[in-house]
N, C-alpha and C. Protein backbone atom coordinates (compact mmCIF):
# COMPACT_ATOMS: atom_id res chain seq x y z
N MET A 1 -56.24 -7.56 23.57
CA MET A 1 -55.14 -7.37 22.62
C MET A 1 -54.43 -6.06 22.93
N SER A 2 -53.11 -6.13 23.12
CA SER A 2 -52.37 -4.94 23.50
C SER A 2 -52.19 -4.00 22.31
N THR A 3 -52.13 -2.72 22.62
CA THR A 3 -51.94 -1.70 21.59
C THR A 3 -50.45 -1.43 21.42
N PRO A 4 -49.95 -1.38 20.18
CA PRO A 4 -48.52 -1.11 19.99
C PRO A 4 -48.14 0.23 20.61
N SER A 5 -46.96 0.29 21.18
CA SER A 5 -46.49 1.53 21.77
C SER A 5 -46.24 2.57 20.69
N SER A 6 -46.21 3.83 21.10
CA SER A 6 -45.97 4.90 20.14
C SER A 6 -44.59 4.75 19.49
N GLU A 7 -43.63 4.23 20.26
CA GLU A 7 -42.28 4.02 19.71
C GLU A 7 -42.31 2.98 18.61
N ALA A 8 -43.06 1.89 18.82
CA ALA A 8 -43.15 0.84 17.81
C ALA A 8 -43.84 1.35 16.55
N VAL A 9 -44.87 2.17 16.74
CA VAL A 9 -45.58 2.73 15.58
C VAL A 9 -44.66 3.65 14.80
N GLU A 10 -43.90 4.47 15.50
CA GLU A 10 -42.97 5.38 14.83
C GLU A 10 -41.91 4.60 14.06
N ARG A 11 -41.44 3.49 14.64
CA ARG A 11 -40.44 2.68 13.96
C ARG A 11 -41.01 2.07 12.68
N ARG A 12 -42.25 1.60 12.75
CA ARG A 12 -42.88 1.04 11.55
C ARG A 12 -43.06 2.10 10.47
N LEU A 13 -43.47 3.28 10.88
CA LEU A 13 -43.64 4.37 9.92
C LEU A 13 -42.29 4.76 9.31
N TYR A 14 -41.26 4.77 10.14
CA TYR A 14 -39.92 5.10 9.66
C TYR A 14 -39.45 4.08 8.62
N ASN A 15 -39.61 2.79 8.94
CA ASN A 15 -39.21 1.75 8.00
C ASN A 15 -40.02 1.83 6.71
N ALA A 16 -41.33 2.08 6.85
CA ALA A 16 -42.19 2.16 5.66
C ALA A 16 -41.78 3.32 4.77
N LEU A 17 -41.39 4.44 5.38
CA LEU A 17 -40.97 5.61 4.60
C LEU A 17 -39.72 5.29 3.78
N TRP A 18 -38.73 4.65 4.41
CA TRP A 18 -37.50 4.33 3.70
C TRP A 18 -37.73 3.28 2.62
N TRP A 19 -38.61 2.32 2.90
CA TRP A 19 -38.91 1.31 1.88
C TRP A 19 -39.60 1.94 0.68
N ALA A 20 -40.44 2.93 0.94
CA ALA A 20 -41.10 3.63 -0.17
C ALA A 20 -40.06 4.36 -1.02
N LYS A 21 -39.05 4.93 -0.37
CA LYS A 21 -37.99 5.62 -1.11
C LYS A 21 -37.19 4.64 -1.95
N VAL A 22 -36.87 3.48 -1.36
CA VAL A 22 -36.09 2.48 -2.08
C VAL A 22 -36.87 1.92 -3.26
N GLN A 23 -38.16 1.69 -3.06
CA GLN A 23 -38.98 1.18 -4.16
C GLN A 23 -39.09 2.19 -5.29
N SER A 24 -38.98 3.47 -4.95
CA SER A 24 -39.08 4.51 -5.96
C SER A 24 -37.77 4.75 -6.68
N ALA A 25 -36.67 4.75 -5.92
CA ALA A 25 -35.38 5.18 -6.50
C ALA A 25 -34.32 4.10 -6.53
N GLY A 26 -34.57 2.93 -5.92
CA GLY A 26 -33.53 1.91 -5.85
C GLY A 26 -32.62 2.16 -4.66
N PRO A 27 -31.46 1.50 -4.58
CA PRO A 27 -30.54 1.70 -3.46
C PRO A 27 -30.25 3.18 -3.24
N LEU A 28 -30.17 3.57 -1.97
CA LEU A 28 -30.03 4.99 -1.62
C LEU A 28 -28.71 5.25 -0.92
N GLU A 29 -28.09 6.37 -1.25
CA GLU A 29 -26.87 6.81 -0.59
C GLU A 29 -27.24 7.86 0.45
N VAL A 30 -26.93 7.59 1.73
CA VAL A 30 -27.37 8.45 2.83
C VAL A 30 -26.20 8.79 3.74
N GLU A 31 -26.47 9.66 4.70
CA GLU A 31 -25.45 10.02 5.69
C GLU A 31 -25.17 8.83 6.61
N PRO A 32 -23.93 8.71 7.11
CA PRO A 32 -23.58 7.56 7.95
C PRO A 32 -24.40 7.46 9.23
N ASP A 33 -24.88 8.59 9.75
CA ASP A 33 -25.62 8.55 11.01
C ASP A 33 -27.11 8.26 10.80
N THR A 34 -27.50 7.92 9.57
CA THR A 34 -28.90 7.54 9.32
C THR A 34 -29.20 6.24 10.07
N PRO A 35 -30.25 6.21 10.90
CA PRO A 35 -30.57 4.99 11.65
C PRO A 35 -30.83 3.81 10.72
N ALA A 36 -30.59 2.61 11.24
CA ALA A 36 -30.79 1.39 10.45
C ALA A 36 -32.26 1.24 10.09
N VAL A 37 -32.50 0.58 8.97
CA VAL A 37 -33.86 0.31 8.50
C VAL A 37 -34.02 -1.19 8.36
N ALA A 38 -35.07 -1.74 8.93
CA ALA A 38 -35.31 -3.18 8.87
C ALA A 38 -35.41 -3.64 7.42
N GLY A 39 -34.63 -4.67 7.06
CA GLY A 39 -34.70 -5.22 5.72
C GLY A 39 -33.79 -4.56 4.71
N LEU A 40 -33.10 -3.49 5.11
CA LEU A 40 -32.17 -2.82 4.20
C LEU A 40 -30.75 -3.02 4.71
N THR A 41 -29.90 -3.56 3.86
CA THR A 41 -28.50 -3.78 4.21
C THR A 41 -27.72 -2.49 4.05
N ARG A 42 -26.83 -2.22 4.99
CA ARG A 42 -26.00 -1.02 4.95
C ARG A 42 -24.62 -1.36 4.40
N ALA A 43 -24.11 -0.50 3.54
CA ALA A 43 -22.77 -0.68 2.98
C ALA A 43 -22.08 0.67 2.95
N ALA A 44 -20.99 0.80 3.71
CA ALA A 44 -20.27 2.07 3.77
C ALA A 44 -19.54 2.31 2.46
N SER A 45 -19.53 3.56 2.00
CA SER A 45 -18.78 3.93 0.80
C SER A 45 -17.29 3.79 1.09
N PRO A 46 -16.45 3.72 0.06
CA PRO A 46 -15.02 3.50 0.28
C PRO A 46 -14.37 4.51 1.23
N ASP A 47 -14.78 5.77 1.17
CA ASP A 47 -14.17 6.77 2.04
C ASP A 47 -14.93 6.96 3.35
N GLY A 48 -16.01 6.21 3.53
CA GLY A 48 -16.76 6.28 4.78
C GLY A 48 -17.63 7.50 4.94
N SER A 49 -17.72 8.34 3.91
CA SER A 49 -18.48 9.59 4.04
C SER A 49 -19.98 9.37 3.90
N THR A 50 -20.39 8.27 3.28
CA THR A 50 -21.80 7.97 3.10
C THR A 50 -22.03 6.47 3.30
N VAL A 51 -23.30 6.11 3.34
CA VAL A 51 -23.69 4.71 3.48
C VAL A 51 -24.78 4.41 2.45
N TRP A 52 -24.70 3.25 1.83
CA TRP A 52 -25.74 2.82 0.90
C TRP A 52 -26.73 1.93 1.64
N LEU A 53 -28.01 2.13 1.36
CA LEU A 53 -29.07 1.26 1.86
C LEU A 53 -29.58 0.42 0.69
N VAL A 54 -29.43 -0.89 0.81
CA VAL A 54 -29.77 -1.80 -0.29
C VAL A 54 -30.76 -2.84 0.22
N PRO A 55 -31.83 -3.11 -0.53
CA PRO A 55 -32.80 -4.11 -0.08
C PRO A 55 -32.15 -5.48 0.10
N THR A 56 -32.51 -6.15 1.19
CA THR A 56 -32.07 -7.51 1.42
C THR A 56 -32.97 -8.43 0.60
N LEU A 57 -32.38 -9.12 -0.38
CA LEU A 57 -33.18 -9.87 -1.33
C LEU A 57 -33.53 -11.26 -0.79
N PRO A 58 -34.79 -11.65 -0.89
CA PRO A 58 -35.16 -13.01 -0.50
C PRO A 58 -34.49 -14.03 -1.41
N SER A 59 -34.17 -15.19 -0.87
CA SER A 59 -33.56 -16.24 -1.67
C SER A 59 -34.51 -16.67 -2.79
N GLY A 60 -33.99 -16.70 -4.01
CA GLY A 60 -34.80 -17.13 -5.15
C GLY A 60 -35.81 -16.10 -5.61
N ALA A 61 -35.60 -14.83 -5.25
CA ALA A 61 -36.56 -13.79 -5.63
C ALA A 61 -36.65 -13.70 -7.15
N GLY A 62 -37.88 -13.65 -7.65
CA GLY A 62 -38.10 -13.54 -9.08
C GLY A 62 -38.12 -12.10 -9.55
N HIS A 63 -38.36 -11.93 -10.84
CA HIS A 63 -38.31 -10.60 -11.46
C HIS A 63 -39.30 -9.64 -10.81
N THR A 64 -40.53 -10.11 -10.55
CA THR A 64 -41.56 -9.24 -9.98
C THR A 64 -41.19 -8.77 -8.58
N VAL A 65 -40.67 -9.70 -7.77
CA VAL A 65 -40.27 -9.34 -6.40
C VAL A 65 -39.13 -8.33 -6.44
N LEU A 66 -38.16 -8.54 -7.32
CA LEU A 66 -37.03 -7.62 -7.41
C LEU A 66 -37.50 -6.23 -7.82
N GLU A 67 -38.44 -6.16 -8.74
CA GLU A 67 -38.98 -4.86 -9.15
C GLU A 67 -39.64 -4.16 -7.96
N GLU A 68 -40.41 -4.91 -7.16
CA GLU A 68 -41.10 -4.33 -6.02
C GLU A 68 -40.12 -3.83 -4.97
N LEU A 69 -38.97 -4.49 -4.86
CA LEU A 69 -37.96 -4.09 -3.88
C LEU A 69 -37.07 -2.96 -4.39
N GLY A 70 -37.35 -2.47 -5.58
CA GLY A 70 -36.51 -1.42 -6.13
C GLY A 70 -35.15 -1.93 -6.55
N ALA A 71 -35.05 -3.22 -6.85
CA ALA A 71 -33.77 -3.82 -7.25
C ALA A 71 -33.97 -4.65 -8.51
N PRO A 72 -34.34 -4.01 -9.62
CA PRO A 72 -34.55 -4.77 -10.84
C PRO A 72 -33.27 -5.44 -11.30
N PRO A 73 -33.37 -6.60 -11.94
CA PRO A 73 -32.17 -7.27 -12.44
C PRO A 73 -31.52 -6.46 -13.55
N VAL A 74 -30.41 -6.96 -14.05
CA VAL A 74 -29.72 -6.26 -15.14
C VAL A 74 -30.70 -6.03 -16.28
N ALA A 75 -30.63 -4.85 -16.87
CA ALA A 75 -31.56 -4.48 -17.94
C ALA A 75 -31.57 -5.55 -19.03
N VAL A 76 -32.78 -5.84 -19.55
CA VAL A 76 -32.91 -6.91 -20.53
C VAL A 76 -32.37 -6.49 -21.90
N GLU A 77 -32.18 -5.20 -22.12
CA GLU A 77 -31.63 -4.76 -23.39
C GLU A 77 -30.19 -5.26 -23.52
N GLN A 78 -29.92 -6.03 -24.56
CA GLN A 78 -28.61 -6.62 -24.79
C GLN A 78 -28.07 -7.29 -23.52
N PRO A 79 -28.79 -8.27 -22.97
CA PRO A 79 -28.39 -8.87 -21.69
C PRO A 79 -27.03 -9.55 -21.73
N ASN A 80 -26.71 -10.22 -22.84
CA ASN A 80 -25.42 -10.92 -22.91
C ASN A 80 -24.26 -9.92 -22.89
N GLU A 81 -24.41 -8.85 -23.64
CA GLU A 81 -23.36 -7.84 -23.70
C GLU A 81 -23.21 -7.15 -22.34
N THR A 82 -24.34 -6.86 -21.71
CA THR A 82 -24.31 -6.20 -20.41
C THR A 82 -23.67 -7.10 -19.35
N ALA A 83 -24.02 -8.38 -19.37
CA ALA A 83 -23.43 -9.33 -18.42
C ALA A 83 -21.93 -9.47 -18.67
N ARG A 84 -21.53 -9.43 -19.93
CA ARG A 84 -20.10 -9.53 -20.26
C ARG A 84 -19.33 -8.35 -19.68
N VAL A 85 -19.89 -7.15 -19.83
CA VAL A 85 -19.21 -5.96 -19.31
C VAL A 85 -19.19 -5.97 -17.79
N LEU A 86 -20.26 -6.45 -17.16
CA LEU A 86 -20.26 -6.54 -15.70
C LEU A 86 -19.16 -7.48 -15.22
N SER A 87 -19.00 -8.62 -15.88
CA SER A 87 -17.96 -9.56 -15.47
C SER A 87 -16.57 -8.94 -15.64
N ILE A 88 -16.39 -8.15 -16.70
CA ILE A 88 -15.10 -7.48 -16.91
C ILE A 88 -14.85 -6.47 -15.79
N CYS A 89 -15.87 -5.72 -15.43
CA CYS A 89 -15.71 -4.72 -14.37
C CYS A 89 -15.41 -5.38 -13.03
N VAL A 90 -16.00 -6.54 -12.78
CA VAL A 90 -15.69 -7.28 -11.56
C VAL A 90 -14.20 -7.64 -11.55
N ALA A 91 -13.70 -8.11 -12.69
CA ALA A 91 -12.28 -8.48 -12.78
C ALA A 91 -11.37 -7.27 -12.58
N CYS A 92 -11.80 -6.11 -13.08
CA CYS A 92 -10.97 -4.90 -12.98
C CYS A 92 -11.04 -4.26 -11.59
N CYS A 93 -12.20 -4.36 -10.94
CA CYS A 93 -12.42 -3.62 -9.69
C CYS A 93 -12.29 -4.49 -8.44
N TRP A 94 -12.19 -5.78 -8.60
CA TRP A 94 -12.07 -6.68 -7.44
C TRP A 94 -10.67 -7.27 -7.45
N ALA A 95 -9.70 -6.44 -7.13
CA ALA A 95 -8.30 -6.86 -7.21
C ALA A 95 -7.94 -7.86 -6.10
N ASP A 96 -8.41 -7.59 -4.88
CA ASP A 96 -8.11 -8.48 -3.75
C ASP A 96 -9.27 -9.45 -3.58
N ARG A 97 -9.19 -10.57 -4.25
CA ARG A 97 -10.32 -11.51 -4.24
C ARG A 97 -10.28 -12.45 -3.05
N SER A 98 -9.35 -12.21 -2.13
CA SER A 98 -9.37 -12.97 -0.88
C SER A 98 -10.43 -12.44 0.07
N GLY A 99 -10.92 -11.24 -0.20
CA GLY A 99 -11.96 -10.62 0.62
C GLY A 99 -13.22 -10.41 -0.18
N PRO A 100 -14.20 -9.70 0.40
CA PRO A 100 -15.46 -9.45 -0.31
C PRO A 100 -15.28 -8.50 -1.48
N ALA A 101 -16.23 -8.52 -2.40
CA ALA A 101 -16.15 -7.68 -3.59
C ALA A 101 -16.32 -6.20 -3.26
N TRP A 102 -17.20 -5.89 -2.31
CA TRP A 102 -17.44 -4.50 -1.94
C TRP A 102 -16.41 -4.04 -0.92
N PRO A 103 -15.86 -2.82 -1.04
CA PRO A 103 -16.17 -1.83 -2.08
C PRO A 103 -15.28 -1.95 -3.32
N GLY A 104 -14.25 -2.78 -3.25
CA GLY A 104 -13.38 -2.95 -4.40
C GLY A 104 -12.52 -1.71 -4.65
N SER A 105 -11.99 -1.63 -5.86
CA SER A 105 -11.12 -0.52 -6.23
C SER A 105 -11.64 0.12 -7.52
N VAL A 106 -11.01 1.20 -7.91
CA VAL A 106 -11.44 1.92 -9.12
C VAL A 106 -10.84 1.27 -10.35
N GLY A 107 -11.69 1.02 -11.34
CA GLY A 107 -11.24 0.53 -12.63
C GLY A 107 -11.39 1.62 -13.68
N THR A 108 -10.83 1.40 -14.84
CA THR A 108 -10.87 2.42 -15.88
C THR A 108 -11.45 1.87 -17.18
N LEU A 109 -11.89 2.79 -18.00
CA LEU A 109 -12.43 2.41 -19.30
C LEU A 109 -11.35 1.73 -20.15
N ALA A 110 -10.11 2.20 -20.02
CA ALA A 110 -9.02 1.58 -20.78
C ALA A 110 -8.85 0.11 -20.39
N GLN A 111 -8.97 -0.19 -19.11
CA GLN A 111 -8.88 -1.59 -18.67
C GLN A 111 -10.02 -2.42 -19.25
N ILE A 112 -11.22 -1.87 -19.19
CA ILE A 112 -12.39 -2.59 -19.68
C ILE A 112 -12.24 -2.89 -21.17
N ARG A 113 -11.80 -1.90 -21.93
CA ARG A 113 -11.63 -2.09 -23.37
C ARG A 113 -10.58 -3.15 -23.67
N SER A 114 -9.52 -3.17 -22.88
CA SER A 114 -8.46 -4.15 -23.09
C SER A 114 -8.96 -5.57 -22.83
N VAL A 115 -9.65 -5.75 -21.70
CA VAL A 115 -10.14 -7.09 -21.36
C VAL A 115 -11.23 -7.52 -22.35
N TYR A 116 -12.07 -6.57 -22.75
CA TYR A 116 -13.14 -6.87 -23.71
C TYR A 116 -12.56 -7.41 -25.01
N ALA A 117 -11.54 -6.74 -25.52
CA ALA A 117 -10.91 -7.20 -26.76
C ALA A 117 -10.27 -8.57 -26.56
N GLY A 118 -9.67 -8.79 -25.38
CA GLY A 118 -9.06 -10.09 -25.10
C GLY A 118 -10.09 -11.20 -25.03
N MET A 119 -11.26 -10.90 -24.45
CA MET A 119 -12.33 -11.90 -24.38
C MET A 119 -12.82 -12.27 -25.77
N ARG A 120 -12.89 -11.28 -26.65
CA ARG A 120 -13.38 -11.54 -28.00
C ARG A 120 -12.32 -12.18 -28.89
N GLY A 121 -11.07 -12.17 -28.42
CA GLY A 121 -10.00 -12.81 -29.17
C GLY A 121 -9.66 -12.13 -30.47
N ARG A 122 -9.77 -10.80 -30.47
CA ARG A 122 -9.48 -10.04 -31.69
C ARG A 122 -9.11 -8.62 -31.31
N PRO A 123 -8.51 -7.86 -32.24
CA PRO A 123 -8.23 -6.45 -31.95
C PRO A 123 -9.53 -5.68 -31.72
N GLU A 124 -9.42 -4.58 -31.01
CA GLU A 124 -10.59 -3.76 -30.72
C GLU A 124 -11.19 -3.21 -32.02
N GLN A 125 -12.51 -3.21 -32.10
CA GLN A 125 -13.22 -2.67 -33.24
C GLN A 125 -13.93 -1.38 -32.85
N SER A 126 -14.26 -0.58 -33.85
CA SER A 126 -14.87 0.73 -33.58
C SER A 126 -16.21 0.60 -32.86
N SER A 127 -16.92 -0.49 -33.11
CA SER A 127 -18.24 -0.66 -32.48
C SER A 127 -18.14 -1.10 -31.02
N ASP A 128 -16.98 -1.59 -30.61
CA ASP A 128 -16.84 -2.10 -29.24
C ASP A 128 -17.12 -1.02 -28.20
N LEU A 129 -16.59 0.17 -28.42
CA LEU A 129 -16.73 1.23 -27.43
C LEU A 129 -18.20 1.60 -27.24
N THR A 130 -18.96 1.63 -28.33
CA THR A 130 -20.39 1.94 -28.22
C THR A 130 -21.10 0.90 -27.38
N LEU A 131 -20.79 -0.37 -27.60
CA LEU A 131 -21.41 -1.44 -26.83
C LEU A 131 -21.01 -1.37 -25.36
N ILE A 132 -19.74 -1.09 -25.10
CA ILE A 132 -19.25 -1.02 -23.73
C ILE A 132 -19.91 0.13 -22.98
N ILE A 133 -19.93 1.31 -23.58
CA ILE A 133 -20.52 2.48 -22.91
C ILE A 133 -22.00 2.25 -22.64
N GLY A 134 -22.71 1.67 -23.60
CA GLY A 134 -24.12 1.39 -23.38
C GLY A 134 -24.34 0.45 -22.21
N SER A 135 -23.51 -0.57 -22.11
CA SER A 135 -23.63 -1.52 -20.99
C SER A 135 -23.29 -0.85 -19.67
N LEU A 136 -22.25 -0.03 -19.65
CA LEU A 136 -21.88 0.67 -18.42
C LEU A 136 -23.01 1.57 -17.94
N ARG A 137 -23.67 2.23 -18.85
CA ARG A 137 -24.78 3.11 -18.47
C ARG A 137 -25.94 2.31 -17.90
N ARG A 138 -26.25 1.16 -18.50
CA ARG A 138 -27.33 0.33 -17.97
C ARG A 138 -27.00 -0.21 -16.59
N LEU A 139 -25.75 -0.62 -16.41
CA LEU A 139 -25.34 -1.17 -15.12
C LEU A 139 -25.29 -0.08 -14.05
N HIS A 140 -24.96 1.13 -14.44
CA HIS A 140 -24.98 2.25 -13.51
C HIS A 140 -26.42 2.57 -13.10
N ALA A 141 -27.33 2.54 -14.06
CA ALA A 141 -28.73 2.86 -13.78
C ALA A 141 -29.36 1.86 -12.83
N THR A 142 -28.88 0.61 -12.85
CA THR A 142 -29.43 -0.42 -11.97
C THR A 142 -28.56 -0.66 -10.74
N HIS A 143 -27.57 0.23 -10.51
CA HIS A 143 -26.74 0.23 -9.30
C HIS A 143 -25.82 -0.99 -9.17
N TRP A 144 -25.57 -1.68 -10.29
CA TRP A 144 -24.55 -2.72 -10.25
C TRP A 144 -23.16 -2.12 -10.32
N LEU A 145 -23.07 -0.96 -10.96
CA LEU A 145 -21.80 -0.24 -11.07
C LEU A 145 -22.02 1.22 -10.73
N LEU A 146 -20.92 1.89 -10.36
CA LEU A 146 -20.90 3.34 -10.21
C LEU A 146 -19.97 3.86 -11.30
N TRP A 147 -20.55 4.36 -12.37
CA TRP A 147 -19.81 4.70 -13.58
C TRP A 147 -19.66 6.21 -13.70
N ASN A 148 -18.43 6.68 -13.68
CA ASN A 148 -18.13 8.10 -13.87
C ASN A 148 -17.70 8.28 -15.32
N GLU A 149 -18.65 8.64 -16.16
CA GLU A 149 -18.37 8.69 -17.60
C GLU A 149 -17.38 9.79 -17.94
N LYS A 150 -17.45 10.91 -17.24
CA LYS A 150 -16.54 12.02 -17.53
C LYS A 150 -15.09 11.63 -17.27
N ALA A 151 -14.85 10.92 -16.17
CA ALA A 151 -13.49 10.51 -15.83
C ALA A 151 -13.10 9.19 -16.49
N GLY A 152 -14.09 8.46 -17.01
CA GLY A 152 -13.79 7.15 -17.58
C GLY A 152 -13.38 6.15 -16.52
N GLU A 153 -14.02 6.26 -15.33
CA GLU A 153 -13.67 5.38 -14.20
C GLU A 153 -14.92 4.71 -13.65
N VAL A 154 -14.74 3.53 -13.09
CA VAL A 154 -15.87 2.74 -12.63
C VAL A 154 -15.53 2.06 -11.31
N ARG A 155 -16.54 1.90 -10.48
CA ARG A 155 -16.44 1.10 -9.25
C ARG A 155 -17.60 0.12 -9.25
N LEU A 156 -17.48 -0.92 -8.46
CA LEU A 156 -18.61 -1.82 -8.26
C LEU A 156 -19.70 -1.06 -7.52
N GLY A 157 -20.95 -1.33 -7.88
CA GLY A 157 -22.07 -0.63 -7.28
C GLY A 157 -22.54 -1.28 -6.00
N PRO A 158 -23.42 -0.61 -5.26
CA PRO A 158 -23.84 -1.11 -3.95
C PRO A 158 -24.60 -2.43 -4.00
N ARG A 159 -25.16 -2.77 -5.14
CA ARG A 159 -25.92 -4.02 -5.20
C ARG A 159 -25.04 -5.25 -5.07
N VAL A 160 -23.73 -5.10 -5.25
CA VAL A 160 -22.86 -6.28 -5.13
C VAL A 160 -22.79 -6.78 -3.69
N ILE A 161 -23.20 -5.95 -2.72
CA ILE A 161 -23.16 -6.43 -1.34
C ILE A 161 -24.20 -7.52 -1.09
N THR A 162 -25.13 -7.68 -2.03
CA THR A 162 -26.13 -8.74 -1.89
C THR A 162 -25.61 -10.08 -2.38
N TRP A 163 -24.41 -10.10 -2.97
CA TRP A 163 -23.85 -11.37 -3.44
C TRP A 163 -23.54 -12.27 -2.25
N THR A 164 -23.90 -13.52 -2.37
CA THR A 164 -23.62 -14.50 -1.33
C THR A 164 -22.20 -15.03 -1.48
N ALA A 165 -21.77 -15.82 -0.50
CA ALA A 165 -20.44 -16.44 -0.59
C ALA A 165 -20.35 -17.33 -1.82
N ALA A 166 -21.44 -18.02 -2.15
CA ALA A 166 -21.45 -18.87 -3.34
C ALA A 166 -21.34 -18.03 -4.61
N ASP A 167 -22.03 -16.89 -4.63
CA ASP A 167 -21.94 -15.99 -5.79
C ASP A 167 -20.49 -15.53 -5.98
N GLU A 168 -19.86 -15.12 -4.90
CA GLU A 168 -18.49 -14.61 -5.00
C GLU A 168 -17.52 -15.71 -5.40
N ALA A 169 -17.75 -16.93 -4.94
CA ALA A 169 -16.89 -18.04 -5.34
C ALA A 169 -16.99 -18.27 -6.85
N THR A 170 -18.20 -18.19 -7.38
CA THR A 170 -18.39 -18.35 -8.82
C THR A 170 -17.70 -17.23 -9.59
N LEU A 171 -17.80 -16.01 -9.07
CA LEU A 171 -17.18 -14.87 -9.74
C LEU A 171 -15.66 -14.93 -9.68
N ARG A 172 -15.12 -15.43 -8.57
CA ARG A 172 -13.66 -15.60 -8.49
C ARG A 172 -13.18 -16.55 -9.58
N ASP A 173 -13.92 -17.64 -9.76
CA ASP A 173 -13.55 -18.60 -10.79
C ASP A 173 -13.66 -17.98 -12.18
N LEU A 174 -14.70 -17.17 -12.38
CA LEU A 174 -14.87 -16.50 -13.67
C LEU A 174 -13.71 -15.55 -13.94
N CYS A 175 -13.31 -14.79 -12.93
CA CYS A 175 -12.23 -13.82 -13.11
C CYS A 175 -10.92 -14.51 -13.48
N ARG A 176 -10.72 -15.72 -12.98
CA ARG A 176 -9.48 -16.44 -13.31
C ARG A 176 -9.41 -16.80 -14.79
N HIS A 177 -10.55 -16.84 -15.45
CA HIS A 177 -10.58 -17.22 -16.86
C HIS A 177 -10.60 -16.01 -17.79
N LEU A 178 -10.61 -14.81 -17.22
CA LEU A 178 -10.62 -13.60 -18.04
C LEU A 178 -9.19 -13.10 -18.25
N PRO A 179 -8.94 -12.39 -19.34
CA PRO A 179 -7.61 -11.79 -19.53
C PRO A 179 -7.31 -10.81 -18.39
N ASP A 180 -6.06 -10.75 -17.98
CA ASP A 180 -5.68 -9.81 -16.92
C ASP A 180 -5.77 -8.38 -17.44
N PRO A 181 -6.40 -7.49 -16.68
CA PRO A 181 -6.45 -6.09 -17.12
C PRO A 181 -5.09 -5.42 -16.94
N PRO A 182 -4.78 -4.43 -17.76
CA PRO A 182 -3.55 -3.67 -17.55
C PRO A 182 -3.68 -2.83 -16.28
N PRO A 183 -2.58 -2.32 -15.75
CA PRO A 183 -2.67 -1.47 -14.56
C PRO A 183 -3.56 -0.26 -14.81
N ALA A 184 -4.30 0.13 -13.79
CA ALA A 184 -5.20 1.28 -13.91
C ALA A 184 -4.41 2.58 -13.83
N VAL A 185 -4.72 3.50 -14.72
CA VAL A 185 -4.17 4.85 -14.67
C VAL A 185 -5.34 5.78 -14.43
N LEU A 186 -5.43 6.31 -13.21
CA LEU A 186 -6.60 7.07 -12.80
C LEU A 186 -6.41 8.56 -13.04
N THR A 187 -7.46 9.19 -13.53
CA THR A 187 -7.41 10.65 -13.72
C THR A 187 -7.55 11.38 -12.40
N SER A 188 -8.10 10.69 -11.39
CA SER A 188 -8.34 11.34 -10.10
C SER A 188 -7.20 11.15 -9.12
N GLU A 189 -6.10 10.52 -9.57
CA GLU A 189 -4.99 10.31 -8.65
C GLU A 189 -4.37 11.65 -8.25
N PRO A 190 -4.08 11.84 -6.97
CA PRO A 190 -3.47 13.10 -6.56
C PRO A 190 -2.06 13.23 -7.12
N PRO A 191 -1.63 14.44 -7.43
CA PRO A 191 -0.27 14.61 -7.95
C PRO A 191 0.76 14.25 -6.90
N PRO A 192 1.93 13.78 -7.31
CA PRO A 192 2.97 13.45 -6.32
C PRO A 192 3.42 14.69 -5.58
N PRO A 193 3.81 14.55 -4.32
CA PRO A 193 4.25 15.73 -3.57
C PRO A 193 5.51 16.33 -4.16
N GLU A 194 5.58 17.64 -4.14
CA GLU A 194 6.77 18.31 -4.67
C GLU A 194 7.91 18.17 -3.67
N PRO A 195 9.13 17.95 -4.17
CA PRO A 195 10.27 17.84 -3.25
C PRO A 195 10.51 19.16 -2.53
N GLU A 196 10.96 19.04 -1.30
CA GLU A 196 11.24 20.25 -0.54
C GLU A 196 12.45 20.97 -1.15
N SER A 197 12.31 22.27 -1.30
CA SER A 197 13.40 23.05 -1.89
C SER A 197 14.46 23.34 -0.83
N ASP A 198 15.70 23.46 -1.28
CA ASP A 198 16.77 23.81 -0.37
C ASP A 198 16.60 25.24 0.11
N PRO A 199 16.96 25.53 1.35
CA PRO A 199 16.83 26.91 1.84
C PRO A 199 17.73 27.86 1.07
N LEU A 200 17.24 29.07 0.89
CA LEU A 200 18.03 30.08 0.21
C LEU A 200 19.24 30.47 1.06
N PRO A 201 20.30 30.95 0.41
CA PRO A 201 21.50 31.32 1.18
C PRO A 201 21.21 32.32 2.29
N SER A 202 20.30 33.27 2.02
CA SER A 202 20.00 34.27 3.03
C SER A 202 19.34 33.64 4.24
N GLU A 203 18.49 32.57 3.98
CA GLU A 203 17.83 31.91 5.08
C GLU A 203 18.83 31.16 5.94
N VAL A 204 19.85 30.55 5.28
CA VAL A 204 20.88 29.84 6.03
C VAL A 204 21.68 30.81 6.88
N ALA A 205 21.99 31.97 6.28
CA ALA A 205 22.78 32.96 7.00
C ALA A 205 22.04 33.47 8.22
N ASP A 206 20.70 33.64 8.07
CA ASP A 206 19.92 34.15 9.20
C ASP A 206 19.94 33.18 10.37
N ASP A 207 20.04 31.85 10.04
CA ASP A 207 20.07 30.86 11.12
C ASP A 207 21.39 30.96 11.90
């Protein structure tokens, strides 16, 4: 029986180390030059500055398997409400549905609140915001969303890269039945460039 080469042993140890990290912390955001890890899908962040490592989920994986892979399903606390908010965020952040959901675009809390009220078929109530924020926090904790609470902005999380073509087809159909979100107004948008000022008379004279 042949003995594994030192390179093969190092590769196994490397993979085992990263899997231990994923099982402990869930999907990981790393530098782009981080070598590939067997069984972990790579997803570049929107600006390309980092890469997410996400466990490749076996088909039909149950709750126990997902927990072991560091990819627990949506939190069971208020599951219907949490699933409702996730579907709204998909509608807000997946504007170009001719392509994949990841990485999508930035959505806002104002959009989510508008669609939420439309889904419920009534004006917004004071309790709605509490329910929405709670769901956003749970979805952020499980990496389904990237929720910036201070800015009131949200993106789809790295776990959406595990969605299959069938999953995305179902979600496209779901989005068609949701109220259209209003245009996003982002707090992080860069200010418009200032118009160039006319040269001063002295500058013209010097020319």
